[in-house]
């Protein structure tokens, strides 16, 4: 099981290089780029990357945001959210240290997702991820540089990445495609019970957060999907 990093729509090549360097520092090698800037080998990305210019940057894979969500247990990093249980897009969230403890308990491939320098990830993108991680900072100025944020998170995960990017295989967590199938089944279930259409996105986000924290096994996912499917069939009869 591996920890990967995805950088979404970075505006500054230097930040991509800084993140690659932090990955090299803390034992993470797989870099995904969503809508990246041009990374000139003679430019600042490679200039800031240190030894990561030899392997991590050249091997970075350009992917879509959807590919990341469908194939990994996704953890998005945001600034302090100022949200509580009454607001569901960026809540609940964990700190990087709490995240490190949680990742030891799962055996799925994990991708840390970092957003744009100015606005981070959109609410629509955050609604698609499994967990939210936020870095505690001063309320007077909680916004961190993109490269700084990645370095802090990767540092806190060092115990599960340095020297070996494989996470301990402690639980039989369902693979990500199966979990995405569960979310699709839940969406179908909401339609079948005629849940108010305007409330379905919020219900979907809440369900995704619950499942993201629970790390269900393959058997649990199959059971939940079967239950939702049976309810739909009963309603059709």
C-alpha atoms as a PDB file:
ATOM      1  CA  UNK A   1       0.000   0.000   0.000  1.00  0.00           C
ATOM      2  CA  UNK A   2       1.390   3.413  -0.958  1.00  0.00           C
ATOM      3  CA  UNK A   3       1.008   7.086  -0.137  1.00  0.00           C
ATOM      4  CA  UNK A   4       0.787   9.314  -3.207  1.00  0.00           C
ATOM      5  CA  UNK A   5       0.488  13.076  -3.615  1.00  0.00           C
ATOM      6  CA  UNK A   6      -1.788  14.898  -6.057  1.00  0.00           C
ATOM      7  CA  UNK A   7      -1.373  18.601  -6.798  1.00  0.00           C
ATOM      8  CA  UNK A   8      -4.451  20.175  -8.385  1.00  0.00           C
ATOM      9  CA  UNK A   9      -4.119  23.089 -10.803  1.00  0.00           C
ATOM     10  CA  UNK A  10      -0.905  24.522  -9.332  1.00  0.00           C
ATOM     11  CA  UNK A  11      -0.281  28.029 -10.615  1.00  0.00           C
ATOM     12  CA  UNK A  12       3.416  28.197  -9.791  1.00  0.00           C
ATOM     13  CA  UNK A  13       5.918  25.588 -11.050  1.00  0.00           C
ATOM     14  CA  UNK A  14       8.140  26.325  -8.050  1.00  0.00           C
ATOM     15  CA  UNK A  15       5.499  25.004  -5.668  1.00  0.00           C
ATOM     16  CA  UNK A  16       5.357  21.736  -7.575  1.00  0.00           C
ATOM     17  CA  UNK A  17       9.125  21.469  -7.207  1.00  0.00           C
ATOM     18  CA  UNK A  18       8.963  22.267  -3.492  1.00  0.00           C
ATOM     19  CA  UNK A  19       6.327  19.572  -2.939  1.00  0.00           C
ATOM     20  CA  UNK A  20       8.406  17.054  -4.887  1.00  0.00           C
ATOM     21  CA  UNK A  21      11.390  17.859  -2.678  1.00  0.00           C
ATOM     22  CA  UNK A  22       9.326  17.364   0.492  1.00  0.00           C
ATOM     23  CA  UNK A  23       8.121  14.044  -0.891  1.00  0.00           C
ATOM     24  CA  UNK A  24      11.740  12.982  -1.385  1.00  0.00           C
ATOM     25  CA  UNK A  25      12.540  14.070   2.177  1.00  0.00           C
ATOM     26  CA  UNK A  26       9.802  11.937   3.683  1.00  0.00           C
ATOM     27  CA  UNK A  27       9.773   8.787   1.577  1.00  0.00           C
ATOM     28  CA  UNK A  28       6.914   9.433  -0.853  1.00  0.00           C
ATOM     29  CA  UNK A  29       7.665   8.916  -4.535  1.00  0.00           C
ATOM     30  CA  UNK A  30       4.385   8.914  -6.494  1.00  0.00           C
ATOM     31  CA  UNK A  31       3.362  12.392  -7.703  1.00  0.00           C
ATOM     32  CA  UNK A  32       0.098  13.025  -9.568  1.00  0.00           C
ATOM     33  CA  UNK A  33      -0.537  16.339 -11.345  1.00  0.00           C
ATOM     34  CA  UNK A  34      -4.015  17.604 -12.209  1.00  0.00           C
ATOM     35  CA  UNK A  35      -4.015  20.451 -14.760  1.00  0.00           C
ATOM     36  CA  UNK A  36      -0.343  21.273 -14.058  1.00  0.00           C
ATOM     37  CA  UNK A  37       1.643  24.273 -15.281  1.00  0.00           C
ATOM     38  CA  UNK A  38       4.467  23.640 -17.724  1.00  0.00           C
ATOM     39  CA  UNK A  39       7.399  22.097 -15.869  1.00  0.00           C
ATOM     40  CA  UNK A  40      10.457  23.214 -17.801  1.00  0.00           C
ATOM     41  CA  UNK A  41      13.563  21.221 -16.917  1.00  0.00           C
ATOM     42  CA  UNK A  42      15.474  24.495 -16.826  1.00  0.00           C
ATOM     43  CA  UNK A  43      12.755  26.268 -14.828  1.00  0.00           C
ATOM     44  CA  UNK A  44      11.968  26.798 -11.162  1.00  0.00           C
ATOM     45  CA  UNK A  45      10.127  23.488 -10.621  1.00  0.00           C
ATOM     46  CA  UNK A  46      13.289  21.508 -11.256  1.00  0.00           C
ATOM     47  CA  UNK A  47      15.355  24.200  -9.571  1.00  0.00           C
ATOM     48  CA  UNK A  48      13.380  23.892  -6.321  1.00  0.00           C
ATOM     49  CA  UNK A  49      13.078  20.105  -6.395  1.00  0.00           C
ATOM     50  CA  UNK A  50      16.564  19.212  -5.153  1.00  0.00           C
ATOM     51  CA  UNK A  51      17.251  15.508  -5.673  1.00  0.00           C
ATOM     52  CA  UNK A  52      13.580  14.977  -6.556  1.00  0.00           C
ATOM     53  CA  UNK A  53      14.454  16.361  -9.990  1.00  0.00           C
ATOM     54  CA  UNK A  54      16.109  13.026 -10.741  1.00  0.00           C
ATOM     55  CA  UNK A  55      13.127  10.747 -10.171  1.00  0.00           C
ATOM     56  CA  UNK A  56       9.930  12.216  -8.724  1.00  0.00           C
ATOM     57  CA  UNK A  57       9.375  15.141 -11.115  1.00  0.00           C
ATOM     58  CA  UNK A  58      10.295  13.302 -14.329  1.00  0.00           C
ATOM     59  CA  UNK A  59       7.981  10.444 -13.379  1.00  0.00           C
ATOM     60  CA  UNK A  60       5.040  12.605 -12.287  1.00  0.00           C
ATOM     61  CA  UNK A  61       1.798  11.428 -13.895  1.00  0.00           C
ATOM     62  CA  UNK A  62      -0.751  13.872 -15.319  1.00  0.00           C
ATOM     63  CA  UNK A  63      -4.222  12.648 -14.333  1.00  0.00           C
ATOM     64  CA  UNK A  64      -7.761  13.917 -13.865  1.00  0.00           C
ATOM     65  CA  UNK A  65      -9.275  14.698 -10.475  1.00  0.00           C
ATOM     66  CA  UNK A  66     -11.818  11.942 -11.115  1.00  0.00           C
ATOM     67  CA  UNK A  67      -9.050   9.368 -11.581  1.00  0.00           C
ATOM     68  CA  UNK A  68      -7.593  10.288  -8.202  1.00  0.00           C
ATOM     69  CA  UNK A  69     -10.951   9.987  -6.433  1.00  0.00           C
ATOM     70  CA  UNK A  70     -11.822   6.679  -8.056  1.00  0.00           C
ATOM     71  CA  UNK A  71      -8.528   4.927  -7.324  1.00  0.00           C
ATOM     72  CA  UNK A  72      -7.375   6.184  -3.916  1.00  0.00           C
ATOM     73  CA  UNK A  73      -8.514   6.858  -0.396  1.00  0.00           C
ATOM     74  CA  UNK A  74      -8.306  10.631  -0.785  1.00  0.00           C
ATOM     75  CA  UNK A  75      -7.284  13.124   1.891  1.00  0.00           C
ATOM     76  CA  UNK A  76      -7.642  16.803   0.976  1.00  0.00           C
ATOM     77  CA  UNK A  77      -5.658  19.450   2.819  1.00  0.00           C
ATOM     78  CA  UNK A  78      -7.237  22.832   3.543  1.00  0.00           C
ATOM     79  CA  UNK A  79      -6.607  25.853   5.721  1.00  0.00           C
ATOM     80  CA  UNK A  80      -8.471  26.253   9.031  1.00  0.00           C
ATOM     81  CA  UNK A  81     -12.100  25.673   8.105  1.00  0.00           C
ATOM     82  CA  UNK A  82     -14.089  27.562  10.762  1.00  0.00           C
ATOM     83  CA  UNK A  83     -16.844  25.024  10.205  1.00  0.00           C
ATOM     84  CA  UNK A  84     -18.728  22.731  12.527  1.00  0.00           C
ATOM     85  CA  UNK A  85     -21.170  19.844  12.302  1.00  0.00           C
ATOM     86  CA  UNK A  86     -23.871  22.113  10.850  1.00  0.00           C
ATOM     87  CA  UNK A  87     -21.762  22.683   7.720  1.00  0.00           C
ATOM     88  CA  UNK A  88     -20.813  19.584   5.835  1.00  0.00           C
ATOM     89  CA  UNK A  89     -18.343  20.326   3.050  1.00  0.00           C
ATOM     90  CA  UNK A  90     -15.187  20.787   5.098  1.00  0.00           C
ATOM     91  CA  UNK A  91     -16.249  19.063   8.312  1.00  0.00           C
ATOM     92  CA  UNK A  92     -15.263  16.903  10.096  1.00  0.00           C
ATOM     93  CA  UNK A  93     -11.521  17.252   9.679  1.00  0.00           C
ATOM     94  CA  UNK A  94      -8.352  15.861  11.228  1.00  0.00           C
ATOM     95  CA  UNK A  95      -4.955  17.387  11.903  1.00  0.00           C
ATOM     96  CA  UNK A  96      -1.890  15.953  10.137  1.00  0.00           C
ATOM     97  CA  UNK A  97      -0.863  14.147  13.330  1.00  0.00           C
ATOM     98  CA  UNK A  98      -4.304  12.608  13.734  1.00  0.00           C
ATOM     99  CA  UNK A  99      -4.215  11.624  10.080  1.00  0.00           C
ATOM    100  CA  UNK A 100      -0.967   9.723  10.591  1.00  0.00           C
ATOM    101  CA  UNK A 101      -2.597   7.682  13.345  1.00  0.00           C
ATOM    102  CA  UNK A 102      -5.634   6.902  11.187  1.00  0.00           C
ATOM    103  CA  UNK A 103      -3.643   5.841   8.143  1.00  0.00           C
ATOM    104  CA  UNK A 104      -1.900   3.161  10.169  1.00  0.00           C
ATOM    105  CA  UNK A 105      -5.284   1.466  10.511  1.00  0.00           C
ATOM    106  CA  UNK A 106      -6.092   1.072   6.819  1.00  0.00           C
ATOM    107  CA  UNK A 107      -4.609  -0.871   3.958  1.00  0.00           C
ATOM    108  CA  UNK A 108      -5.837   1.120   0.968  1.00  0.00           C
ATOM    109  CA  UNK A 109      -3.675   3.210  -1.338  1.00  0.00           C
ATOM    110  CA  UNK A 110      -3.832   6.794  -0.075  1.00  0.00           C
ATOM    111  CA  UNK A 111      -3.515  10.057  -1.993  1.00  0.00           C
ATOM    112  CA  UNK A 112      -2.900  13.404  -0.296  1.00  0.00           C
ATOM    113  CA  UNK A 113      -4.596  16.085  -2.397  1.00  0.00           C
ATOM    114  CA  UNK A 114      -3.331  19.671  -2.415  1.00  0.00           C
ATOM    115  CA  UNK A 115      -5.206  22.478  -4.163  1.00  0.00           C
ATOM    116  CA  UNK A 116      -4.520  25.791  -5.786  1.00  0.00           C
ATOM    117  CA  UNK A 117      -2.315  28.440  -4.206  1.00  0.00           C
ATOM    118  CA  UNK A 118      -5.063  31.068  -4.075  1.00  0.00           C
ATOM    119  CA  UNK A 119      -8.343  29.229  -3.470  1.00  0.00           C
ATOM    120  CA  UNK A 120      -7.297  25.669  -2.647  1.00  0.00           C
ATOM    121  CA  UNK A 121      -9.817  22.999  -3.603  1.00  0.00           C
ATOM    122  CA  UNK A 122     -13.362  23.945  -4.554  1.00  0.00           C
ATOM    123  CA  UNK A 123     -16.314  22.828  -2.462  1.00  0.00           C
ATOM    124  CA  UNK A 124     -17.319  20.559  -5.341  1.00  0.00           C
ATOM    125  CA  UNK A 125     -13.898  18.886  -5.249  1.00  0.00           C
ATOM    126  CA  UNK A 126     -13.923  18.635  -1.458  1.00  0.00           C
ATOM    127  CA  UNK A 127     -17.305  16.920  -1.629  1.00  0.00           C
ATOM    128  CA  UNK A 128     -15.663  14.094  -3.612  1.00  0.00           C
ATOM    129  CA  UNK A 129     -12.821  13.260  -1.209  1.00  0.00           C
ATOM    130  CA  UNK A 130     -12.894  10.811   1.679  1.00  0.00           C
ATOM    131  CA  UNK A 131     -11.259  12.889   4.426  1.00  0.00           C
ATOM    132  CA  UNK A 132     -10.306  16.481   5.160  1.00  0.00           C
ATOM    133  CA  UNK A 133      -7.026  17.392   6.856  1.00  0.00           C
ATOM    134  CA  UNK A 134      -6.378  20.874   8.192  1.00  0.00           C
ATOM    135  CA  UNK A 135      -3.223  22.366   9.708  1.00  0.00           C
ATOM    136  CA  UNK A 136      -3.802  24.217  13.006  1.00  0.00           C
ATOM    137  CA  UNK A 137      -2.389  27.723  12.710  1.00  0.00           C
ATOM    138  CA  UNK A 138      -2.856  31.193  14.145  1.00  0.00           C
ATOM    139  CA  UNK A 139      -6.382  32.514  13.681  1.00  0.00           C
ATOM    140  CA  UNK A 140      -4.826  35.833  12.651  1.00  0.00           C
ATOM    141  CA  UNK A 141      -3.169  34.253   9.605  1.00  0.00           C
ATOM    142  CA  UNK A 142      -4.051  30.590   9.086  1.00  0.00           C
ATOM    143  CA  UNK A 143      -3.253  30.381   5.353  1.00  0.00           C
ATOM    144  CA  UNK A 144      -0.047  28.539   4.478  1.00  0.00           C
ATOM    145  CA  UNK A 145       1.973  28.497   1.303  1.00  0.00           C
ATOM    146  CA  UNK A 146       1.199  25.392  -0.769  1.00  0.00           C
ATOM    147  CA  UNK A 147       4.734  24.016  -0.439  1.00  0.00           C
ATOM    148  CA  UNK A 148       4.756  24.655   3.308  1.00  0.00           C
ATOM    149  CA  UNK A 149       1.446  22.857   3.796  1.00  0.00           C
ATOM    150  CA  UNK A 150       2.648  19.798   1.898  1.00  0.00           C
ATOM    151  CA  UNK A 151       5.891  19.703   3.863  1.00  0.00           C
ATOM    152  CA  UNK A 152       4.067  19.824   7.208  1.00  0.00           C
ATOM    153  CA  UNK A 153       1.656  17.029   6.280  1.00  0.00           C
ATOM    154  CA  UNK A 154       4.387  14.809   4.841  1.00  0.00           C
ATOM    155  CA  UNK A 155       6.535  15.389   7.921  1.00  0.00           C
ATOM    156  CA  UNK A 156       3.732  14.218  10.203  1.00  0.00           C
ATOM    157  CA  UNK A 157       3.344  11.081   8.080  1.00  0.00           C
ATOM    158  CA  UNK A 158       7.066  10.263   8.221  1.00  0.00           C
ATOM    159  CA  UNK A 159       6.606   7.287  10.549  1.00  0.00           C
ATOM    160  CA  UNK A 160       4.558   5.489   7.918  1.00  0.00           C
ATOM    161  CA  UNK A 161       6.531   6.609   4.864  1.00  0.00           C
ATOM    162  CA  UNK A 162      10.232   7.155   5.591  1.00  0.00           C
ATOM    163  CA  UNK A 163      12.322   4.250   4.435  1.00  0.00           C
ATOM    164  CA  UNK A 164       9.305   2.377   3.114  1.00  0.00           C
ATOM    165  CA  UNK A 165       6.295   3.951   1.424  1.00  0.00           C
ATOM    166  CA  UNK A 166       4.178   0.915   2.238  1.00  0.00           C
ATOM    167  CA  UNK A 167       1.558   1.426   4.917  1.00  0.00           C
ATOM    168  CA  UNK A 168       1.134  -1.437   7.374  1.00  0.00           C
ATOM    169  CA  UNK A 169      -1.519  -3.900   6.259  1.00  0.00           C
ATOM    170  CA  UNK A 170      -3.604  -3.980   9.416  1.00  0.00           C
ATOM    171  CA  UNK A 171      -7.182  -4.084   8.147  1.00  0.00           C
ATOM    172  CA  UNK A 172      -8.879  -5.581   5.130  1.00  0.00           C
ATOM    173  CA  UNK A 173     -10.168  -2.252   3.817  1.00  0.00           C
ATOM    174  CA  UNK A 174     -12.233  -2.442   0.644  1.00  0.00           C
ATOM    175  CA  UNK A 175     -10.475  -1.211  -2.481  1.00  0.00           C
ATOM    176  CA  UNK A 176     -11.374   2.258  -3.705  1.00  0.00           C
ATOM    177  CA  UNK A 177     -13.453   1.201  -6.741  1.00  0.00           C
ATOM    178  CA  UNK A 178     -15.670  -0.865  -4.414  1.00  0.00           C
ATOM    179  CA  UNK A 179     -16.111   2.105  -2.099  1.00  0.00           C
ATOM    180  CA  UNK A 180     -16.976   4.376  -5.027  1.00  0.00           C
ATOM    181  CA  UNK A 181     -19.536   1.761  -6.041  1.00  0.00           C
ATOM    182  CA  UNK A 182     -21.041   2.031  -2.567  1.00  0.00           C
ATOM    183  CA  UNK A 183     -21.373   5.801  -2.976  1.00  0.00           C
ATOM    184  CA  UNK A 184     -23.095   5.277  -6.328  1.00  0.00           C
ATOM    185  CA  UNK A 185     -25.450   2.752  -4.702  1.00  0.00           C
ATOM    186  CA  UNK A 186     -26.251   5.257  -1.939  1.00  0.00           C
ATOM    187  CA  UNK A 187     -27.041   7.923  -4.545  1.00  0.00           C
ATOM    188  CA  UNK A 188     -29.374   5.468  -6.274  1.00  0.00           C
ATOM    189  CA  UNK A 189     -30.950   4.670  -2.898  1.00  0.00           C
ATOM    190  CA  UNK A 190     -31.652   8.372  -2.265  1.00  0.00           C
ATOM    191  CA  UNK A 191     -33.408   8.560  -5.610  1.00  0.00           C
ATOM    192  CA  UNK A 192     -35.422   5.412  -4.889  1.00  0.00           C
ATOM    193  CA  UNK A 193     -36.747   6.732  -1.561  1.00  0.00           C
ATOM    194  CA  UNK A 194     -37.536  10.082  -3.215  1.00  0.00           C
ATOM    195  CA  UNK A 195     -35.238  12.001  -0.890  1.00  0.00           C
ATOM    196  CA  UNK A 196     -35.618  15.724  -1.721  1.00  0.00           C
ATOM    197  CA  UNK A 197     -33.420  16.361  -4.746  1.00  0.00           C
ATOM    198  CA  UNK A 198     -31.925  19.544  -3.318  1.00  0.00           C
ATOM    199  CA  UNK A 199     -30.799  17.636  -0.194  1.00  0.00           C
ATOM    200  CA  UNK A 200     -29.137  14.722  -1.993  1.00  0.00           C
ATOM    201  CA  UNK A 201     -25.701  16.349  -2.457  1.00  0.00           C
ATOM    202  CA  UNK A 202     -25.472  17.108   1.273  1.00  0.00           C
ATOM    203  CA  UNK A 203     -26.584  13.590   2.177  1.00  0.00           C
ATOM    204  CA  UNK A 204     -23.984  12.201  -0.222  1.00  0.00           C
ATOM    205  CA  UNK A 205     -21.231  14.299   1.364  1.00  0.00           C
ATOM    206  CA  UNK A 206     -22.216  13.196   4.866  1.00  0.00           C
ATOM    207  CA  UNK A 207     -22.256   9.553   3.804  1.00  0.00           C
ATOM    208  CA  UNK A 208     -18.844   9.925   2.124  1.00  0.00           C
ATOM    209  CA  UNK A 209     -17.370  11.421   5.306  1.00  0.00           C
ATOM    210  CA  UNK A 210     -18.783   8.605   7.449  1.00  0.00           C
ATOM    211  CA  UNK A 211     -17.417   5.952   5.114  1.00  0.00           C
ATOM    212  CA  UNK A 212     -14.096   7.805   4.854  1.00  0.00           C
ATOM    213  CA  UNK A 213     -13.659   7.620   8.625  1.00  0.00           C
ATOM    214  CA  UNK A 214     -14.936   4.054   8.951  1.00  0.00           C
ATOM    215  CA  UNK A 215     -12.556   2.383   6.436  1.00  0.00           C
ATOM    216  CA  UNK A 216     -15.033  -0.461   5.729  1.00  0.00           C
ATOM    217  CA  UNK A 217     -13.897  -3.920   4.703  1.00  0.00           C
ATOM    218  CA  UNK A 218     -14.840  -5.446   1.382  1.00  0.00           C
ATOM    219  CA  UNK A 219     -17.475  -7.586   3.080  1.00  0.00           C
ATOM    220  CA  UNK A 220     -18.985  -4.558   4.840  1.00  0.00           C
ATOM    221  CA  UNK A 221     -19.185  -2.664   1.552  1.00  0.00           C
ATOM    222  CA  UNK A 222     -20.877  -5.590  -0.173  1.00  0.00           C
ATOM    223  CA  UNK A 223     -23.349  -5.930   2.695  1.00  0.00           C
ATOM    224  CA  UNK A 224     -24.246  -2.238   2.655  1.00  0.00           C
ATOM    225  CA  UNK A 225     -24.682  -2.249  -1.099  1.00  0.00           C
ATOM    226  CA  UNK A 226     -26.909  -5.313  -0.813  1.00  0.00           C
ATOM    227  CA  UNK A 227     -29.079  -3.639   1.824  1.00  0.00           C
ATOM    228  CA  UNK A 228     -29.541  -0.495  -0.247  1.00  0.00           C
ATOM    229  CA  UNK A 229     -30.311  -2.622  -3.312  1.00  0.00           C
ATOM    230  CA  UNK A 230     -32.953  -4.657  -1.449  1.00  0.00           C
ATOM    231  CA  UNK A 231     -34.689  -1.503  -0.264  1.00  0.00           C
ATOM    232  CA  UNK A 232     -34.805  -0.255  -3.852  1.00  0.00           C
ATOM    233  CA  UNK A 233     -36.252  -3.573  -5.014  1.00  0.00           C
ATOM    234  CA  UNK A 234     -38.913  -3.524  -2.284  1.00  0.00           C
ATOM    235  CA  UNK A 235     -39.951  -0.029  -3.320  1.00  0.00           C
ATOM    236  CA  UNK A 236     -40.266  -1.167  -6.934  1.00  0.00           C
ATOM    237  CA  UNK A 237     -42.562  -4.105  -6.027  1.00  0.00           C
END
